[in-house]
Amino acid sequence: MKEIMQYINSDSFLHSMNPLSKIVAVAGIIVLSVFTTSSIVLALMVLGIFLVSLKAGLHHELIRQLKLLVFLSLSLILLTVFTMKSGVTLGFLIPAGTLTAKGIFPVTTGALDFGVVLSLRFFAMLFAFQLLVVTTRPSDLMKALLEIHIPVDYVLMFVIALRFIPSLQVEGQRIHEAQLARGYNPGKGLRGKVRSIKPLLVPLVANSLGRTQVLGLTMDMRGYRDRHSVDKDRLAWNRVDFAAVGCVALMGIGIVLTGLI
């Protein structure tokens, strides 16, 4: 099983970029994704991020997240259909004559448009953040965050939290396999998946809390609370860094000028 949110050692152009420029570019993409309301712009943004990952040979990392994102997208679209009634009514989730004389839960153009916009926002933000994490060493990421004067406590919490994601994934898989080896059968389908959550979460949370206590004691023993900076070996910017930040800046200027915010 391959871990998610785990650094991948490679020699792609994304790996050679300065971590600070990647942070700036990802932050710009997140800001633009939040403020723009055009589904076309968001779709082009998602397509551009995917093409960048394809060029760097990291598109498989994004494709692995499609199942989660599609489920999230469908949930958001259904939620907007249930809660928004603006626009032209295209139909009903429960057609007329099924349960009542009139249809139930009208599907409107406003709800669909807003649901698609929300879904594309999550696609763009998660794809961009995924590329940042898998192409940046935790030590370089920590160094870049400290360069912009973020307190060391917050930087450590962020980097450690990122490192915990693949660790929890591996440990959760091991707990699940151990339970299956002991004869535990939660069943199949959606009901079986729901039943398997509780016996998986209890040992996973307990082990994680014990690990965090050991980690905290280790950090205290090594004097991390007294550190205010790291080494001064700063990574240089190259042409790819300026091109990435420039593309995001030009995209933002174009969105502002065309009134899509």
C-alpha atoms as a PDB file:
ATOM      1  CA  MET A   1       0.000   0.000   0.000  1.00  0.00           C
ATOM      2  CA  LYS A   2       1.347   3.391  -0.984  1.00  0.00           C
ATOM      3  CA  GLU A   3       1.003   6.195   1.536  1.00  0.00           C
ATOM      4  CA  ILE A   4      -0.747   9.447   0.743  1.00  0.00           C
ATOM      5  CA  MET A   5       0.781  12.857   1.460  1.00  0.00           C
ATOM      6  CA  GLN A   6       4.240  11.279   1.474  1.00  0.00           C
ATOM      7  CA  TYR A   7       7.347  12.876  -0.050  1.00  0.00           C
ATOM      8  CA  ILE A   8       8.424  11.177  -3.295  1.00  0.00           C
ATOM      9  CA  ASN A   9      12.104  11.317  -4.116  1.00  0.00           C
ATOM     10  CA  SER A  10      12.488  12.266  -7.767  1.00  0.00           C
ATOM     11  CA  ASP A  11      14.343  14.669 -10.063  1.00  0.00           C
ATOM     12  CA  SER A  12      11.368  16.438 -11.632  1.00  0.00           C
ATOM     13  CA  PHE A  13      11.268  20.191 -12.157  1.00  0.00           C
ATOM     14  CA  LEU A  14       8.843  20.489  -9.230  1.00  0.00           C
ATOM     15  CA  HIS A  15      11.409  18.908  -6.916  1.00  0.00           C
ATOM     16  CA  SER A  16      14.061  21.400  -8.033  1.00  0.00           C
ATOM     17  CA  MET A  17      11.886  24.395  -7.177  1.00  0.00           C
ATOM     18  CA  ASN A  18      12.345  26.473  -4.067  1.00  0.00           C
ATOM     19  CA  PRO A  19       9.852  25.360  -1.394  1.00  0.00           C
ATOM     20  CA  LEU A  20       8.967  28.996  -0.752  1.00  0.00           C
ATOM     21  CA  SER A  21       7.939  29.553  -4.368  1.00  0.00           C
ATOM     22  CA  LYS A  22       5.773  26.430  -4.256  1.00  0.00           C
ATOM     23  CA  ILE A  23       4.123  27.677  -1.074  1.00  0.00           C
ATOM     24  CA  VAL A  24       3.434  31.049  -2.703  1.00  0.00           C
ATOM     25  CA  ALA A  25       2.019  29.402  -5.838  1.00  0.00           C
ATOM     26  CA  VAL A  26      -0.198  27.016  -3.847  1.00  0.00           C
ATOM     27  CA  ALA A  27      -1.405  29.847  -1.611  1.00  0.00           C
ATOM     28  CA  GLY A  28      -2.260  31.866  -4.726  1.00  0.00           C
ATOM     29  CA  ILE A  29      -4.193  28.949  -6.213  1.00  0.00           C
ATOM     30  CA  ILE A  30      -6.138  28.484  -2.981  1.00  0.00           C
ATOM     31  CA  VAL A  31      -7.005  32.187  -2.806  1.00  0.00           C
ATOM     32  CA  LEU A  32      -8.108  32.270  -6.442  1.00  0.00           C
ATOM     33  CA  SER A  33     -10.124  29.092  -5.992  1.00  0.00           C
ATOM     34  CA  VAL A  34     -11.972  30.556  -3.030  1.00  0.00           C
ATOM     35  CA  PHE A  35     -12.773  33.933  -4.593  1.00  0.00           C
ATOM     36  CA  THR A  36     -13.602  33.012  -8.184  1.00  0.00           C
ATOM     37  CA  THR A  37     -17.159  31.910  -8.934  1.00  0.00           C
ATOM     38  CA  SER A  38     -16.634  30.776 -12.511  1.00  0.00           C
ATOM     39  CA  SER A  39     -16.787  27.033 -13.037  1.00  0.00           C
ATOM     40  CA  ILE A  40     -14.918  27.436 -16.341  1.00  0.00           C
ATOM     41  CA  VAL A  41     -11.977  29.184 -14.684  1.00  0.00           C
ATOM     42  CA  LEU A  42     -11.886  26.582 -11.915  1.00  0.00           C
ATOM     43  CA  ALA A  43     -12.011  23.745 -14.448  1.00  0.00           C
ATOM     44  CA  LEU A  44      -9.126  25.288 -16.395  1.00  0.00           C
ATOM     45  CA  MET A  45      -7.217  25.681 -13.136  1.00  0.00           C
ATOM     46  CA  VAL A  46      -7.718  22.008 -12.269  1.00  0.00           C
ATOM     47  CA  LEU A  47      -6.711  20.998 -15.794  1.00  0.00           C
ATOM     48  CA  GLY A  48      -3.577  23.137 -15.584  1.00  0.00           C
ATOM     49  CA  ILE A  49      -2.546  21.585 -12.265  1.00  0.00           C
ATOM     50  CA  PHE A  50      -3.079  18.105 -13.662  1.00  0.00           C
ATOM     51  CA  LEU A  51      -0.993  18.909 -16.756  1.00  0.00           C
ATOM     52  CA  VAL A  52       1.809  20.145 -14.501  1.00  0.00           C
ATOM     53  CA  SER A  53       1.658  16.885 -12.539  1.00  0.00           C
ATOM     54  CA  LEU A  54       1.671  14.949 -15.823  1.00  0.00           C
ATOM     55  CA  LYS A  55       4.797  16.805 -16.939  1.00  0.00           C
ATOM     56  CA  ALA A  56       6.472  16.015 -13.623  1.00  0.00           C
ATOM     57  CA  GLY A  57       5.390  12.362 -13.713  1.00  0.00           C
ATOM     58  CA  LEU A  58       3.279  12.721 -10.565  1.00  0.00           C
ATOM     59  CA  HIS A  59      -0.207  12.443 -12.057  1.00  0.00           C
ATOM     60  CA  HIS A  60      -0.722   9.050 -10.426  1.00  0.00           C
ATOM     61  CA  GLU A  61      -0.666  10.756  -7.034  1.00  0.00           C
ATOM     62  CA  LEU A  62      -3.563  12.970  -8.085  1.00  0.00           C
ATOM     63  CA  ILE A  63      -5.508  10.163  -9.726  1.00  0.00           C
ATOM     64  CA  ARG A  64      -5.407   8.241  -6.447  1.00  0.00           C
ATOM     65  CA  GLN A  65      -7.464  11.014  -4.832  1.00  0.00           C
ATOM     66  CA  LEU A  66     -10.203  10.942  -7.481  1.00  0.00           C
ATOM     67  CA  LYS A  67     -12.391   8.445  -5.633  1.00  0.00           C
ATOM     68  CA  LEU A  68     -12.491  10.622  -2.521  1.00  0.00           C
ATOM     69  CA  LEU A  69     -12.988  13.820  -4.511  1.00  0.00           C
ATOM     70  CA  VAL A  70     -15.792  12.360  -6.642  1.00  0.00           C
ATOM     71  CA  PHE A  71     -17.595  11.197  -3.492  1.00  0.00           C
ATOM     72  CA  LEU A  72     -17.103  14.634  -1.941  1.00  0.00           C
ATOM     73  CA  SER A  73     -18.303  16.339  -5.120  1.00  0.00           C
ATOM     74  CA  LEU A  74     -21.479  14.288  -5.319  1.00  0.00           C
ATOM     75  CA  SER A  75     -22.171  14.984  -1.646  1.00  0.00           C
ATOM     76  CA  LEU A  76     -21.738  18.727  -2.163  1.00  0.00           C
ATOM     77  CA  ILE A  77     -23.957  18.768  -5.237  1.00  0.00           C
ATOM     78  CA  LEU A  78     -26.686  16.845  -3.394  1.00  0.00           C
ATOM     79  CA  LEU A  79     -26.382  19.211  -0.439  1.00  0.00           C
ATOM     80  CA  THR A  80     -26.793  22.267  -2.662  1.00  0.00           C
ATOM     81  CA  VAL A  81     -29.755  20.666  -4.423  1.00  0.00           C
ATOM     82  CA  PHE A  82     -31.442  20.098  -1.062  1.00  0.00           C
ATOM     83  CA  THR A  83     -30.711  23.603   0.267  1.00  0.00           C
ATOM     84  CA  MET A  84     -30.756  25.935  -2.780  1.00  0.00           C
ATOM     85  CA  LYS A  85     -33.809  26.661  -4.915  1.00  0.00           C
ATOM     86  CA  SER A  86     -32.482  29.484  -7.097  1.00  0.00           C
ATOM     87  CA  GLY A  87     -32.526  29.371 -10.873  1.00  0.00           C
ATOM     88  CA  VAL A  88     -34.581  27.400 -13.337  1.00  0.00           C
ATOM     89  CA  THR A  89     -36.002  24.056 -12.221  1.00  0.00           C
ATOM     90  CA  LEU A  90     -34.642  21.256 -14.383  1.00  0.00           C
ATOM     91  CA  GLY A  91     -36.457  18.404 -12.690  1.00  0.00           C
ATOM     92  CA  PHE A  92     -36.983  16.651  -9.395  1.00  0.00           C
ATOM     93  CA  LEU A  93     -34.941  14.073  -7.502  1.00  0.00           C
ATOM     94  CA  ILE A  94     -38.216  12.275  -6.756  1.00  0.00           C
ATOM     95  CA  PRO A  95     -40.370  12.715  -9.873  1.00  0.00           C
ATOM     96  CA  ALA A  96     -44.034  13.662  -9.795  1.00  0.00           C
ATOM     97  CA  GLY A  97     -46.381  10.739  -9.304  1.00  0.00           C
ATOM     98  CA  THR A  98     -43.880   8.601  -7.393  1.00  0.00           C
ATOM     99  CA  LEU A  99     -44.749   9.521  -3.812  1.00  0.00           C
ATOM    100  CA  THR A 100     -46.812  12.671  -4.281  1.00  0.00           C
ATOM    101  CA  ALA A 101     -48.645  14.389  -7.100  1.00  0.00           C
ATOM    102  CA  LYS A 102     -45.851  16.969  -7.304  1.00  0.00           C
ATOM    103  CA  GLY A 103     -42.158  16.285  -7.481  1.00  0.00           C
ATOM    104  CA  ILE A 104     -39.969  16.425  -4.376  1.00  0.00           C
ATOM    105  CA  PHE A 105     -36.538  18.105  -4.110  1.00  0.00           C
ATOM    106  CA  PRO A 106     -36.373  20.281  -7.236  1.00  0.00           C
ATOM    107  CA  VAL A 107     -33.053  20.360  -9.087  1.00  0.00           C
ATOM    108  CA  THR A 108     -32.305  23.945 -10.101  1.00  0.00           C
ATOM    109  CA  THR A 109     -29.607  25.456 -12.275  1.00  0.00           C
ATOM    110  CA  GLY A 110     -28.401  27.654  -9.396  1.00  0.00           C
ATOM    111  CA  ALA A 111     -27.903  24.671  -7.112  1.00  0.00           C
ATOM    112  CA  LEU A 112     -26.058  22.648  -9.765  1.00  0.00           C
ATOM    113  CA  ASP A 113     -23.806  25.562 -10.681  1.00  0.00           C
ATOM    114  CA  PHE A 114     -22.919  26.298  -7.060  1.00  0.00           C
ATOM    115  CA  GLY A 115     -22.314  22.599  -6.330  1.00  0.00           C
ATOM    116  CA  VAL A 116     -20.006  22.269  -9.328  1.00  0.00           C
ATOM    117  CA  VAL A 117     -18.091  25.392  -8.279  1.00  0.00           C
ATOM    118  CA  LEU A 118     -17.592  24.034  -4.756  1.00  0.00           C
ATOM    119  CA  SER A 119     -16.436  20.686  -6.123  1.00  0.00           C
ATOM    120  CA  LEU A 120     -13.927  22.245  -8.512  1.00  0.00           C
ATOM    121  CA  ARG A 121     -12.587  24.400  -5.680  1.00  0.00           C
ATOM    122  CA  PHE A 122     -11.801  21.305  -3.650  1.00  0.00           C
ATOM    123  CA  PHE A 123     -10.212  19.664  -6.704  1.00  0.00           C
ATOM    124  CA  ALA A 124      -7.919  22.642  -7.318  1.00  0.00           C
ATOM    125  CA  MET A 125      -6.925  23.137  -3.674  1.00  0.00           C
ATOM    126  CA  LEU A 126      -6.293  19.469  -2.917  1.00  0.00           C
ATOM    127  CA  PHE A 127      -4.388  18.847  -6.158  1.00  0.00           C
ATOM    128  CA  ALA A 128      -2.141  21.870  -5.582  1.00  0.00           C
ATOM    129  CA  PHE A 129      -1.499  20.983  -1.933  1.00  0.00           C
ATOM    130  CA  GLN A 130      -0.812  17.359  -2.874  1.00  0.00           C
ATOM    131  CA  LEU A 131       1.882  18.405  -5.348  1.00  0.00           C
ATOM    132  CA  LEU A 132       3.448  20.676  -2.725  1.00  0.00           C
ATOM    133  CA  VAL A 133       3.693  17.876  -0.166  1.00  0.00           C
ATOM    134  CA  VAL A 134       4.935  15.078  -2.429  1.00  0.00           C
ATOM    135  CA  THR A 135       7.655  17.240  -4.026  1.00  0.00           C
ATOM    136  CA  THR A 136       9.031  18.978  -0.907  1.00  0.00           C
ATOM    137  CA  ARG A 137      11.132  17.431   1.819  1.00  0.00           C
ATOM    138  CA  PRO A 138       9.752  18.115   5.302  1.00  0.00           C
ATOM    139  CA  SER A 139      13.044  19.740   6.297  1.00  0.00           C
ATOM    140  CA  ASP A 140      12.934  22.086   3.286  1.00  0.00           C
ATOM    141  CA  LEU A 141       9.282  22.863   3.950  1.00  0.00           C
ATOM    142  CA  MET A 142      10.106  23.729   7.540  1.00  0.00           C
ATOM    143  CA  LYS A 143      12.981  25.925   6.422  1.00  0.00           C
ATOM    144  CA  ALA A 144      10.775  27.796   3.948  1.00  0.00           C
ATOM    145  CA  LEU A 145       8.061  28.421   6.538  1.00  0.00           C
ATOM    146  CA  LEU A 146      10.600  29.762   8.993  1.00  0.00           C
ATOM    147  CA  GLU A 147      11.966  32.101   6.311  1.00  0.00           C
ATOM    148  CA  ILE A 148       8.608  33.883   6.211  1.00  0.00           C
ATOM    149  CA  HIS A 149       8.773  34.265  10.011  1.00  0.00           C
ATOM    150  CA  ILE A 150       6.124  31.755  11.011  1.00  0.00           C
ATOM    151  CA  PRO A 151       6.665  30.773  14.683  1.00  0.00           C
ATOM    152  CA  VAL A 152       8.626  27.581  15.053  1.00  0.00           C
ATOM    153  CA  ASP A 153       5.909  25.972  17.208  1.00  0.00           C
ATOM    154  CA  TYR A 154       3.337  26.295  14.417  1.00  0.00           C
ATOM    155  CA  VAL A 155       5.825  25.092  11.818  1.00  0.00           C
ATOM    156  CA  LEU A 156       6.602  21.984  13.847  1.00  0.00           C
ATOM    157  CA  MET A 157       2.917  21.242  14.366  1.00  0.00           C
ATOM    158  CA  PHE A 158       2.241  21.579  10.642  1.00  0.00           C
ATOM    159  CA  VAL A 159       5.161  19.391   9.537  1.00  0.00           C
ATOM    160  CA  ILE A 160       4.476  16.743  12.173  1.00  0.00           C
ATOM    161  CA  ALA A 161       0.782  16.662  11.238  1.00  0.00           C
ATOM    162  CA  LEU A 162       1.724  16.077   7.597  1.00  0.00           C
ATOM    163  CA  ARG A 163       4.037  13.259   8.603  1.00  0.00           C
ATOM    164  CA  PHE A 164       1.308  11.693  10.732  1.00  0.00           C
ATOM    165  CA  ILE A 165      -1.054  11.274   7.763  1.00  0.00           C
ATOM    166  CA  PRO A 166       0.866   8.445   6.017  1.00  0.00           C
ATOM    167  CA  SER A 167       1.776   6.929   9.389  1.00  0.00           C
ATOM    168  CA  LEU A 168      -1.869   6.738  10.430  1.00  0.00           C
ATOM    169  CA  GLN A 169      -2.779   5.267   7.052  1.00  0.00           C
ATOM    170  CA  VAL A 170      -0.221   2.464   7.408  1.00  0.00           C
ATOM    171  CA  GLU A 171      -1.145   1.764  11.017  1.00  0.00           C
ATOM    172  CA  GLY A 172      -4.860   1.725  10.219  1.00  0.00           C
ATOM    173  CA  GLN A 173      -4.273  -0.800   7.441  1.00  0.00           C
ATOM    174  CA  ARG A 174      -2.240  -3.011   9.787  1.00  0.00           C
ATOM    175  CA  ILE A 175      -4.967  -2.903  12.454  1.00  0.00           C
ATOM    176  CA  HIS A 176      -7.599  -3.804   9.848  1.00  0.00           C
ATOM    177  CA  GLU A 177      -5.521  -6.733   8.569  1.00  0.00           C
ATOM    178  CA  ALA A 178      -4.888  -7.945  12.132  1.00  0.00           C
ATOM    179  CA  GLN A 179      -8.617  -7.893  12.862  1.00  0.00           C
ATOM    180  CA  LEU A 180      -9.372  -9.841   9.693  1.00  0.00           C
ATOM    181  CA  ALA A 181      -6.676 -12.390  10.593  1.00  0.00           C
ATOM    182  CA  ARG A 182      -8.409 -12.919  13.953  1.00  0.00           C
ATOM    183  CA  GLY A 183     -11.697 -13.710  12.260  1.00  0.00           C
ATOM    184  CA  TYR A 184     -13.457 -10.363  12.498  1.00  0.00           C
ATOM    185  CA  ASN A 185     -15.927  -9.983   9.645  1.00  0.00           C
ATOM    186  CA  PRO A 186     -17.779  -6.649   9.537  1.00  0.00           C
ATOM    187  CA  GLY A 187     -19.694  -7.675   6.417  1.00  0.00           C
ATOM    188  CA  LYS A 188     -19.757  -6.304   2.903  1.00  0.00           C
ATOM    189  CA  GLY A 189     -21.093  -3.168   1.314  1.00  0.00           C
ATOM    190  CA  LEU A 190     -21.770   0.138   2.996  1.00  0.00           C
ATOM    191  CA  ARG A 191     -23.060  -1.463   6.205  1.00  0.00           C
ATOM    192  CA  GLY A 192     -19.882  -3.478   6.592  1.00  0.00           C
ATOM    193  CA  LYS A 193     -17.684  -0.419   6.104  1.00  0.00           C
ATOM    194  CA  VAL A 194     -19.639   1.505   8.725  1.00  0.00           C
ATOM    195  CA  ARG A 195     -19.408  -1.379  11.203  1.00  0.00           C
ATOM    196  CA  SER A 196     -15.628  -1.632  10.686  1.00  0.00           C
ATOM    197  CA  ILE A 197     -14.993   2.015  11.639  1.00  0.00           C
ATOM    198  CA  LYS A 198     -15.423   1.735  15.411  1.00  0.00           C
ATOM    199  CA  PRO A 199     -13.053  -1.229  16.041  1.00  0.00           C
ATOM    200  CA  LEU A 200     -10.532   0.503  13.786  1.00  0.00           C
ATOM    201  CA  LEU A 201     -10.695   3.996  15.262  1.00  0.00           C
ATOM    202  CA  VAL A 202     -10.394   3.013  18.935  1.00  0.00           C
ATOM    203  CA  PRO A 203      -6.937   1.362  18.722  1.00  0.00           C
ATOM    204  CA  LEU A 204      -5.809   3.868  16.093  1.00  0.00           C
ATOM    205  CA  VAL A 205      -6.639   6.874  18.279  1.00  0.00           C
ATOM    206  CA  ALA A 206      -5.158   5.218  21.369  1.00  0.00           C
ATOM    207  CA  ASN A 207      -1.894   4.426  19.593  1.00  0.00           C
ATOM    208  CA  SER A 208      -1.739   7.938  18.128  1.00  0.00           C
ATOM    209  CA  LEU A 209      -2.160   9.581  21.531  1.00  0.00           C
ATOM    210  CA  GLY A 210       0.607   7.427  22.954  1.00  0.00           C
ATOM    211  CA  ARG A 211       2.838   8.315  20.038  1.00  0.00           C
ATOM    212  CA  THR A 212       2.222  12.047  20.437  1.00  0.00           C
ATOM    213  CA  GLN A 213       3.194  11.868  24.108  1.00  0.00           C
ATOM    214  CA  VAL A 214       6.469  10.172  23.257  1.00  0.00           C
ATOM    215  CA  LEU A 215       7.067  12.672  20.471  1.00  0.00           C
ATOM    216  CA  GLY A 216       6.440  15.618  22.802  1.00  0.00           C
ATOM    217  CA  LEU A 217       8.882  14.281  25.381  1.00  0.00           C
ATOM    218  CA  THR A 218      11.490  13.677  22.683  1.00  0.00           C
ATOM    219  CA  MET A 219      11.135  17.240  21.382  1.00  0.00           C
ATOM    220  CA  ASP A 220      11.520  18.646  24.899  1.00  0.00           C
ATOM    221  CA  MET A 221      14.661  16.573  25.461  1.00  0.00           C
ATOM    222  CA  ARG A 222      16.159  17.885  22.223  1.00  0.00           C
ATOM    223  CA  GLY A 223      15.381  21.493  23.070  1.00  0.00           C
ATOM    224  CA  TYR A 224      12.976  22.309  20.257  1.00  0.00           C
ATOM    225  CA  ARG A 225      11.045  24.730  22.473  1.00  0.00           C
ATOM    226  CA  ASP A 226      14.115  26.960  22.703  1.00  0.00           C
ATOM    227  CA  ARG A 227      14.729  27.054  18.949  1.00  0.00           C
ATOM    228  CA  HIS A 228      13.695  30.127  17.043  1.00  0.00           C
ATOM    229  CA  SER A 229      15.305  29.429  13.685  1.00  0.00           C
ATOM    230  CA  VAL A 230      17.028  26.777  11.670  1.00  0.00           C
ATOM    231  CA  ASP A 231      20.221  26.784   9.663  1.00  0.00           C
ATOM    232  CA  LYS A 232      20.692  29.631   7.239  1.00  0.00           C
ATOM    233  CA  ASP A 233      21.274  27.496   4.123  1.00  0.00           C
ATOM    234  CA  ARG A 234      18.605  29.049   1.950  1.00  0.00           C
ATOM    235  CA  LEU A 235      17.572  27.461  -1.302  1.00  0.00           C
ATOM    236  CA  ALA A 236      18.061  29.637  -4.360  1.00  0.00           C
ATOM    237  CA  TRP A 237      15.278  30.579  -6.753  1.00  0.00           C
ATOM    238  CA  ASN A 238      15.530  29.446 -10.378  1.00  0.00           C
ATOM    239  CA  ARG A 239      13.620  30.193 -13.559  1.00  0.00           C
ATOM    240  CA  VAL A 240      10.947  27.616 -12.792  1.00  0.00           C
ATOM    241  CA  ASP A 241      10.230  29.339  -9.464  1.00  0.00           C
ATOM    242  CA  PHE A 242       9.709  32.720 -11.097  1.00  0.00           C
ATOM    243  CA  ALA A 243       7.654  31.156 -13.896  1.00  0.00           C
ATOM    244  CA  ALA A 244       5.345  29.353 -11.444  1.00  0.00           C
ATOM    245  CA  VAL A 245       4.734  32.406  -9.279  1.00  0.00           C
ATOM    246  CA  GLY A 246       4.367  34.594 -12.383  1.00  0.00           C
ATOM    247  CA  CYS A 247       1.761  32.273 -13.929  1.00  0.00           C
ATOM    248  CA  VAL A 248      -0.333  32.309 -10.761  1.00  0.00           C
ATOM    249  CA  ALA A 249      -0.015  36.106 -10.528  1.00  0.00           C
ATOM    250  CA  LEU A 250      -1.044  36.560 -14.171  1.00  0.00           C
ATOM    251  CA  MET A 251      -3.976  34.217 -13.623  1.00  0.00           C
ATOM    252  CA  GLY A 252      -5.096  36.307 -10.672  1.00  0.00           C
ATOM    253  CA  ILE A 253      -4.756  39.551 -12.614  1.00  0.00           C
ATOM    254  CA  GLY A 254      -6.757  38.078 -15.502  1.00  0.00           C
ATOM    255  CA  ILE A 255      -9.524  36.909 -13.203  1.00  0.00           C
ATOM    256  CA  VAL A 256      -9.734  40.328 -11.544  1.00  0.00           C
ATOM    257  CA  LEU A 257      -9.754  42.222 -14.836  1.00  0.00           C
ATOM    258  CA  THR A 258     -12.432  40.013 -16.348  1.00  0.00           C
ATOM    259  CA  GLY A 259     -14.627  40.441 -13.279  1.00  0.00           C
ATOM    260  CA  LEU A 260     -14.804  36.722 -12.420  1.00  0.00           C
ATOM    261  CA  ILE A 261     -14.301  37.436  -8.696  1.00  0.00           C
END
